[in-house]
Amino acid sequence: MADLLRVEGLGKAFDGFRAVADAALVVPQGAIVAVIGPNGAGKTTLFNLITGLLPPDRGRVVFDGHEITGLPAHEICRRGVGRTFQIANIFPRLTVFENVQVAVLAQRRTSANLFRPAAGQAVEDTAAILERTGLLARAQAVAGTLSHGDQRILEIAIALGSRPRLLVLDEPTAGMSPEETAATMALVGRLAREGGLTILFCEHDMSVVFAVAQSIMVMRGGRTIAQGPPEAVRQNREVQEAYLGDAGA
């Protein structure tokens, strides 16, 4: 299986504090890969470096065989990397349909035409994404009225509007009930299986990580200390001591 994403020796410091230091990551095409680590381990900063929200101080990011290190976020998005955030990033006053439609039109570079009278642009593509994510029945609901779980799913739908090959999810189940968590991760798995998506996500819930991920990368103090199949990571002594404790043994 070819690697879709490779991170090599990536580093980033803020006022002398090394948030990410010599991080390494491999994401095979079609895989679901998790990044774990405690608060302050550097997970979100790593994701920001990969997706162009921050420029790295050192190291390389290679996507689909092409170096994308330091490219702006919009360019990395156009190359096929979609992203969600810890806090849902939606347009709360627009409908669910309009939220996704904006993303689809932006990918086509025609978003300025969205609000023409009786605009009917990208209707089929938008509806198809809402159907894939289970939101079609809520298409005309105002996004800000959705439950927290549905807002997180809407953010995934928005990310799908850019037609990503790699979907980067920053704590996709944060603040969810157990039922919402199960539904969201089932959706993530289905998108990977049926849509040919590669998934990279970070998550604090170890039960979610070990149930879904095919490969797990572990960070500590901004560094990568392990990456491998879930069982190998579960048995890694340093990982057990640092993160999993008795629950992960």
Foldseek 3Di string as FASTA:
>chain_A
DAWQKWWAQWWAADPRQTLAGGAIDTFRFLFAEEEEADPSLNPVVVVCQQQAVDATPDTWMAGRNRTPHNPHNVVSLLVAEFEAEPAQDFDQQAFLLVRQVLLLCVLVVNSVCPPDPPDDPPVVVSLVLCVLLVNNVRRGPRLNPDDRLVSLSSSVSNRCSNVHQEYEYEASCPPHDPVSLVSVLVSVQCCSVPVSHGYYYYHQDVVSCLVRGQKYWYGGSNYTPDMDGLVVLLPDPVSCVRRQPPNSD
